[in-house]
Amino acid sequence: MKAKSKRWLAIGVSLVMVLAISALFVAGAAADPIDPPKLLDSVNIGDTTSENGCDLLGWTNIWSGCGWCGPDKNMRLIWGGEGGTTCDLANNWASVTLDAGARIADSLKVQHLDGAADDGFNVYVNDDLVGTYVDYYPSNTWTATEFDISSGRYKGELTIKFEATAPAWGGCGTYGQVAFNEIELYAELVPVDKVFLTPKKLNVGRKAEHSFKVHVYPSQPIDVSVGDEAQVYVDDVEYPAIVSSTDEDGAATDIAIKVYVGDGLEDINPTVAIYTVNGINIAYADGSDIDDLVLDTFTSGKKK
């Protein structure tokens, strides 16, 4: 009996180990966000071609060719550097606009000069304070700082404002304070294994409120629950879209999103695009946008 008990104990331990290893394997099978993140928009401060259309406000003239003028030898500062006329406290800021499009911007990456002055600064997105850089280097050093702005769920055209946090230093009038070069806006994308529409055919000839569903199967569980909003476009027009079901709220891998399109659709087989669910950016596994779904519409009394 003792030998038999030991044998069953060994089998039980082995089974527990197998289950534990299997659980680890399944957990590890979840896909990571697509790397690298998607660049939504950027501007090279000091390059007039790149700056075109970005609505620069409060910047100094372009500095070019100096030993500290940035990775590409061009830069602008947000304060001073023009004979002292702009070193008043009221002029310690500058702004630029970038466009996230239909995506939610997750991060803002900036190349900036941390030099002999205190070059600390605050960063604002649409007047919301999203981060602060604290002066670190004792001498002229170009560095890149990335700010997490995902909690703001910013989309569309964004005003990015930089504000100096220290008083003007003694050399402000000559050398300025807080210089920038590249400014980049990124979105982190979660890959989707499968996505499709239902019904397969939508009768838009009926005088009724029309709707359809987008079914999304992300490669990893994502924080989506019933009632969350999604960004869905039909022929470039955004319509209300709400998560109607999931396989598990808060850790969903099977998501149905109901899209309310009213009674204005025509029988033209419009294209459907989906960009986010609950503020989470989704895309095909190769990083391309999910913007090629075709809604099969018809107007006859019977389905084809």
Protein backbone atom coordinates (compact mmCIF):
# COMPACT_ATOMS: atom_id res chain seq x y z
CA MET A 1 0.00 0.00 0.00
CA LYS A 2 2.85 2.35 0.81
CA ALA A 3 4.48 1.73 -2.57
CA LYS A 4 1.19 2.32 -4.33
CA SER A 5 0.61 5.56 -2.38
CA LYS A 6 4.06 6.79 -3.34
CA ARG A 7 3.38 5.94 -6.99
CA TRP A 8 0.10 7.90 -6.96
CA LEU A 9 1.87 10.77 -5.18
CA ALA A 10 4.53 10.81 -7.90
CA ILE A 11 1.87 10.81 -10.61
CA GLY A 12 0.03 13.64 -8.86
CA VAL A 13 3.19 15.73 -8.55
CA SER A 14 4.02 15.09 -12.22
CA LEU A 15 0.52 16.12 -13.28
CA VAL A 16 0.75 19.35 -11.28
CA MET A 17 4.12 20.11 -12.91
CA VAL A 18 2.71 19.45 -16.39
CA LEU A 19 -0.27 21.72 -15.71
CA ALA A 20 2.00 24.44 -14.34
CA ILE A 21 4.30 24.24 -17.36
CA SER A 22 1.28 24.26 -19.69
CA ALA A 23 -0.09 27.35 -17.96
CA LEU A 24 3.24 29.11 -18.36
CA PHE A 25 3.35 28.15 -22.03
CA VAL A 26 -0.18 29.46 -22.65
CA ALA A 27 0.55 32.69 -20.77
CA GLY A 28 3.74 33.16 -22.75
CA ALA A 29 1.93 32.56 -26.03
CA ALA A 30 0.21 35.95 -25.87
CA ALA A 31 1.61 38.29 -28.52
CA ASP A 32 3.44 41.42 -27.46
CA PRO A 33 2.50 44.85 -28.82
CA ILE A 34 3.89 45.45 -32.27
CA ASP A 35 7.47 46.72 -32.17
CA PRO A 36 8.42 49.40 -33.04
CA PRO A 37 5.46 51.64 -32.16
CA LYS A 38 3.69 53.41 -35.02
CA LEU A 39 4.96 56.91 -35.79
CA LEU A 40 1.84 59.08 -36.10
CA ASP A 41 3.43 62.45 -36.85
CA SER A 42 6.69 64.31 -36.33
CA VAL A 43 8.40 67.64 -36.86
CA ASN A 44 12.07 68.48 -37.11
CA ILE A 45 12.37 71.81 -35.33
CA GLY A 46 14.79 73.96 -37.32
CA ASP A 47 13.92 72.39 -40.67
CA THR A 48 11.49 74.75 -42.40
CA THR A 49 10.20 72.04 -44.75
CA SER A 50 9.35 69.75 -41.85
CA GLU A 51 7.87 72.63 -39.86
CA ASN A 52 5.45 73.56 -42.63
CA GLY A 53 1.87 73.19 -41.45
CA CYS A 54 2.79 72.58 -37.81
CA ASP A 55 1.77 76.03 -36.52
CA LEU A 56 4.90 76.95 -34.59
CA LEU A 57 4.30 79.63 -31.93
CA GLY A 58 6.78 81.31 -29.58
CA TRP A 59 9.99 79.86 -31.00
CA THR A 60 13.23 81.72 -31.64
CA ASN A 61 14.80 82.04 -35.05
CA ILE A 62 16.58 78.95 -36.40
CA TRP A 63 20.09 78.35 -35.08
CA SER A 64 22.31 76.52 -37.56
CA GLY A 65 25.88 75.27 -37.70
CA CYS A 66 26.96 75.84 -34.10
CA GLY A 67 28.69 73.08 -32.17
CA TRP A 68 25.63 72.56 -29.97
CA CYS A 69 22.95 73.10 -32.62
CA GLY A 70 21.55 69.61 -32.56
CA PRO A 71 22.08 66.26 -34.31
CA ASP A 72 21.41 67.83 -37.72
CA LYS A 73 23.00 71.20 -36.81
CA ASN A 74 19.63 72.99 -36.75
CA MET A 75 17.47 73.94 -33.77
CA ARG A 76 15.15 76.49 -32.25
CA LEU A 77 14.80 77.54 -28.63
CA ILE A 78 11.65 78.36 -26.71
CA TRP A 79 13.25 81.29 -24.87
CA GLY A 80 15.78 84.04 -25.49
CA GLY A 81 18.77 83.97 -27.77
CA GLU A 82 17.72 87.07 -29.68
CA GLY A 83 19.44 89.96 -27.95
CA GLY A 84 17.55 89.54 -24.67
CA THR A 85 14.21 90.86 -25.93
CA THR A 86 12.45 87.53 -25.37
CA CYS A 87 13.81 86.61 -21.92
CA ASP A 88 10.78 87.96 -20.04
CA LEU A 89 8.98 85.31 -17.99
CA ALA A 90 5.89 85.65 -20.17
CA ASN A 91 7.90 84.37 -23.15
CA ASN A 92 9.24 81.15 -21.58
CA TRP A 93 7.18 78.82 -23.80
CA ALA A 94 6.68 77.64 -27.37
CA SER A 95 4.22 75.30 -29.06
CA VAL A 96 3.74 73.20 -32.16
CA THR A 97 0.85 71.13 -33.54
CA LEU A 98 1.01 67.45 -34.49
CA ASP A 99 -1.76 65.24 -35.86
CA ALA A 100 -2.48 61.82 -34.34
CA GLY A 101 -5.23 61.19 -36.89
CA ALA A 102 -7.73 58.52 -35.83
CA ARG A 103 -5.22 56.87 -33.51
CA ILE A 104 -4.80 57.44 -29.78
CA ALA A 105 -1.37 58.95 -29.10
CA ASP A 106 0.49 56.87 -26.49
CA SER A 107 3.82 58.65 -26.25
CA LEU A 108 5.65 61.84 -27.16
CA LYS A 109 9.39 61.66 -27.82
CA VAL A 110 11.50 64.83 -27.98
CA GLN A 111 15.15 65.56 -28.74
CA HIS A 112 16.30 68.52 -26.66
CA LEU A 113 19.45 70.25 -25.42
CA ASP A 114 20.36 70.06 -21.75
CA GLY A 115 23.13 72.63 -21.52
CA ALA A 116 24.91 75.04 -19.20
CA ALA A 117 21.62 76.66 -18.13
CA ASP A 118 18.82 74.93 -16.24
CA ASP A 119 17.02 73.46 -19.26
CA GLY A 120 14.15 71.82 -17.40
CA PHE A 121 10.70 72.12 -18.93
CA ASN A 122 7.05 71.14 -18.63
CA VAL A 123 5.15 69.50 -21.50
CA TYR A 124 1.48 70.14 -22.20
CA VAL A 125 -0.88 68.46 -24.66
CA ASN A 126 -3.98 70.52 -25.39
CA ASP A 127 -3.23 72.50 -22.20
CA ASP A 128 -2.99 69.33 -20.06
CA LEU A 129 0.30 68.92 -18.18
CA VAL A 130 1.60 65.49 -19.26
CA GLY A 131 5.21 65.51 -18.06
CA THR A 132 8.23 67.38 -16.73
CA TYR A 133 11.89 67.11 -17.66
CA VAL A 134 14.27 67.91 -14.79
CA ASP A 135 17.65 69.40 -15.77
CA TYR A 136 20.37 66.75 -15.46
CA TYR A 137 23.52 67.40 -17.50
CA PRO A 138 26.11 70.03 -16.42
CA SER A 139 27.27 70.83 -19.96
CA ASN A 140 25.77 70.87 -23.47
CA THR A 141 24.26 67.43 -24.10
CA TRP A 142 21.59 66.46 -26.61
CA THR A 143 19.25 63.86 -25.17
CA ALA A 144 15.94 62.20 -26.04
CA THR A 145 13.09 62.04 -23.54
CA GLU A 146 9.89 60.08 -23.98
CA PHE A 147 6.65 61.04 -22.21
CA ASP A 148 3.76 58.64 -21.66
CA ILE A 149 0.58 60.47 -22.71
CA SER A 150 -1.68 57.44 -23.15
CA SER A 151 -4.00 58.30 -20.24
CA GLY A 152 -5.22 61.40 -22.06
CA ARG A 153 -6.55 59.41 -25.03
CA TYR A 154 -5.54 62.22 -27.37
CA LYS A 155 -6.46 61.94 -31.04
CA GLY A 156 -6.69 64.28 -33.98
CA GLU A 157 -4.76 67.56 -34.05
CA LEU A 158 -2.80 68.15 -30.84
CA THR A 159 -1.13 71.30 -29.55
CA ILE A 160 2.20 70.41 -27.91
CA LYS A 161 3.48 73.16 -25.62
CA PHE A 162 6.86 73.38 -23.87
CA GLU A 163 7.39 75.70 -20.90
CA ALA A 164 10.69 76.42 -19.15
CA THR A 165 10.60 75.55 -15.44
CA ALA A 166 13.65 77.59 -14.33
CA PRO A 167 14.26 81.35 -14.34
CA ALA A 168 16.21 82.83 -17.24
CA TRP A 169 19.95 82.36 -16.75
CA GLY A 170 22.55 85.05 -17.27
CA GLY A 171 23.25 84.00 -20.84
CA CYS A 172 19.60 83.82 -21.91
CA GLY A 173 19.76 86.93 -24.06
CA THR A 174 22.75 85.62 -26.01
CA TYR A 175 22.39 81.84 -26.02
CA GLY A 176 18.75 81.30 -25.17
CA GLN A 177 17.31 78.51 -23.05
CA VAL A 178 15.67 75.11 -23.72
CA ALA A 179 16.35 74.05 -27.32
CA PHE A 180 14.60 71.37 -29.37
CA ASN A 181 15.13 69.39 -32.55
CA GLU A 182 12.99 66.30 -33.37
CA ILE A 183 9.50 65.93 -31.84
CA GLU A 184 7.65 62.64 -32.51
CA LEU A 185 4.21 61.27 -31.70
CA TYR A 186 3.74 57.49 -31.35
CA ALA A 187 0.99 54.90 -30.91
CA GLU A 188 1.51 51.44 -29.44
CA LEU A 189 -0.39 48.84 -31.48
CA VAL A 190 -1.88 45.56 -30.30
CA PRO A 191 -1.93 42.95 -33.10
CA VAL A 192 -5.21 41.37 -34.19
CA ASP A 193 -5.41 37.79 -35.45
CA LYS A 194 -8.81 38.08 -37.13
CA VAL A 195 -11.45 40.71 -37.80
CA PHE A 196 -14.71 40.52 -39.77
CA LEU A 197 -18.16 42.13 -40.10
CA THR A 198 -21.70 40.83 -39.52
CA PRO A 199 -24.23 40.61 -40.98
CA LYS A 200 -22.62 39.44 -44.19
CA LYS A 201 -25.13 41.59 -46.09
CA LEU A 202 -26.85 44.71 -44.75
CA ASN A 203 -30.18 45.86 -46.21
CA VAL A 204 -29.89 49.66 -46.33
CA GLY A 205 -33.11 50.02 -48.32
CA ARG A 206 -35.29 49.60 -45.24
CA LYS A 207 -36.49 52.76 -43.48
CA ALA A 208 -34.86 51.93 -40.18
CA GLU A 209 -31.89 52.59 -37.95
CA HIS A 210 -29.11 50.44 -39.36
CA SER A 211 -26.29 48.80 -37.44
CA PHE A 212 -23.66 46.13 -37.90
CA LYS A 213 -20.98 44.48 -35.81
CA VAL A 214 -17.19 44.39 -36.04
CA HIS A 215 -15.75 41.18 -34.56
CA VAL A 216 -12.19 41.57 -33.32
CA TYR A 217 -9.85 38.81 -32.10
CA PRO A 218 -6.70 40.39 -30.60
CA SER A 219 -3.57 38.28 -30.27
CA GLN A 220 -3.47 38.89 -26.53
CA PRO A 221 -6.05 39.61 -23.83
CA ILE A 222 -6.78 43.33 -23.70
CA ASP A 223 -8.61 45.51 -21.20
CA VAL A 224 -11.94 45.76 -22.99
CA SER A 225 -15.40 45.32 -21.45
CA VAL A 226 -19.01 45.55 -22.56
CA GLY A 227 -20.02 49.20 -22.92
CA ASP A 228 -16.56 50.48 -23.89
CA GLU A 229 -16.30 52.75 -26.91
CA ALA A 230 -14.48 52.03 -30.16
CA GLN A 231 -13.36 54.23 -33.03
CA VAL A 232 -15.00 52.91 -36.19
CA TYR A 233 -15.24 54.74 -39.51
CA VAL A 234 -17.46 54.01 -42.50
CA ASP A 235 -16.07 55.65 -45.64
CA ASP A 236 -14.03 58.04 -43.45
CA VAL A 237 -17.02 59.09 -41.34
CA GLU A 238 -16.88 58.13 -37.65
CA TYR A 239 -20.01 56.51 -36.21
CA PRO A 240 -20.96 55.61 -32.61
CA ALA A 241 -19.54 52.20 -31.76
CA ILE A 242 -19.96 50.31 -28.47
CA VAL A 243 -18.62 46.93 -27.32
CA SER A 244 -21.67 44.65 -27.14
CA SER A 245 -19.99 41.44 -25.97
CA THR A 246 -16.65 39.90 -25.00
CA ASP A 247 -15.46 36.47 -23.98
CA GLU A 248 -14.10 37.98 -20.73
CA ASP A 249 -14.53 41.57 -19.63
CA GLY A 250 -11.18 43.14 -18.76
CA ALA A 251 -9.17 40.44 -20.53
CA ALA A 252 -10.91 40.04 -23.85
CA THR A 253 -9.74 38.03 -26.86
CA ASP A 254 -13.14 37.82 -28.61
CA ILE A 255 -14.84 41.20 -28.97
CA ALA A 256 -18.03 42.22 -30.76
CA ILE A 257 -18.55 45.93 -31.41
CA LYS A 258 -21.92 47.27 -32.49
CA VAL A 259 -21.78 50.22 -34.89
CA TYR A 260 -24.80 52.51 -35.21
CA VAL A 261 -24.96 54.05 -38.69
CA GLY A 262 -28.53 55.38 -38.73
CA ASP A 263 -30.49 55.39 -41.97
CA GLY A 264 -28.10 57.31 -44.21
CA LEU A 265 -26.11 54.48 -45.77
CA GLU A 266 -26.34 53.90 -49.51
CA ASP A 267 -25.90 50.69 -51.46
CA ILE A 268 -22.26 51.39 -52.36
CA ASN A 269 -20.46 48.70 -50.32
CA PRO A 270 -18.66 51.20 -48.07
CA THR A 271 -15.26 50.57 -46.51
CA VAL A 272 -15.05 50.13 -42.74
CA ALA A 273 -12.03 50.94 -40.59
CA ILE A 274 -11.45 50.33 -36.88
CA TYR A 275 -8.55 51.95 -35.02
CA THR A 276 -9.13 51.67 -31.27
CA VAL A 277 -11.18 49.83 -28.65
CA ASN A 278 -11.35 51.35 -25.16
CA GLY A 279 -8.46 53.63 -26.09
CA ILE A 280 -6.28 50.68 -27.17
CA ASN A 281 -4.82 50.94 -30.66
CA ILE A 282 -5.28 47.79 -32.74
CA ALA A 283 -3.83 46.79 -36.11
CA TYR A 284 -3.07 43.82 -38.31
CA ALA A 285 -0.09 41.73 -37.19
CA ASP A 286 2.18 43.47 -39.70
CA GLY A 287 1.33 46.86 -38.20
CA SER A 288 -0.92 48.03 -41.03
CA ASP A 289 -4.23 49.75 -40.31
CA ILE A 290 -7.48 47.78 -40.25
CA ASP A 291 -9.10 50.00 -42.86
CA ASP A 292 -10.07 47.61 -45.66
CA LEU A 293 -13.21 45.88 -44.36
CA VAL A 294 -16.06 46.03 -46.88
CA LEU A 295 -19.65 46.34 -45.68
CA ASP A 296 -21.76 44.44 -48.22
CA THR A 297 -24.92 46.51 -48.60
CA PHE A 298 -28.06 45.93 -50.68
CA THR A 299 -31.49 47.53 -51.16
CA SER A 300 -33.71 44.71 -52.43
CA GLY A 301 -36.46 43.16 -50.33
CA LYS A 302 -34.57 39.89 -50.03
CA LYS A 303 -31.01 39.09 -49.23
CA LYS A 304 -28.95 38.00 -52.18
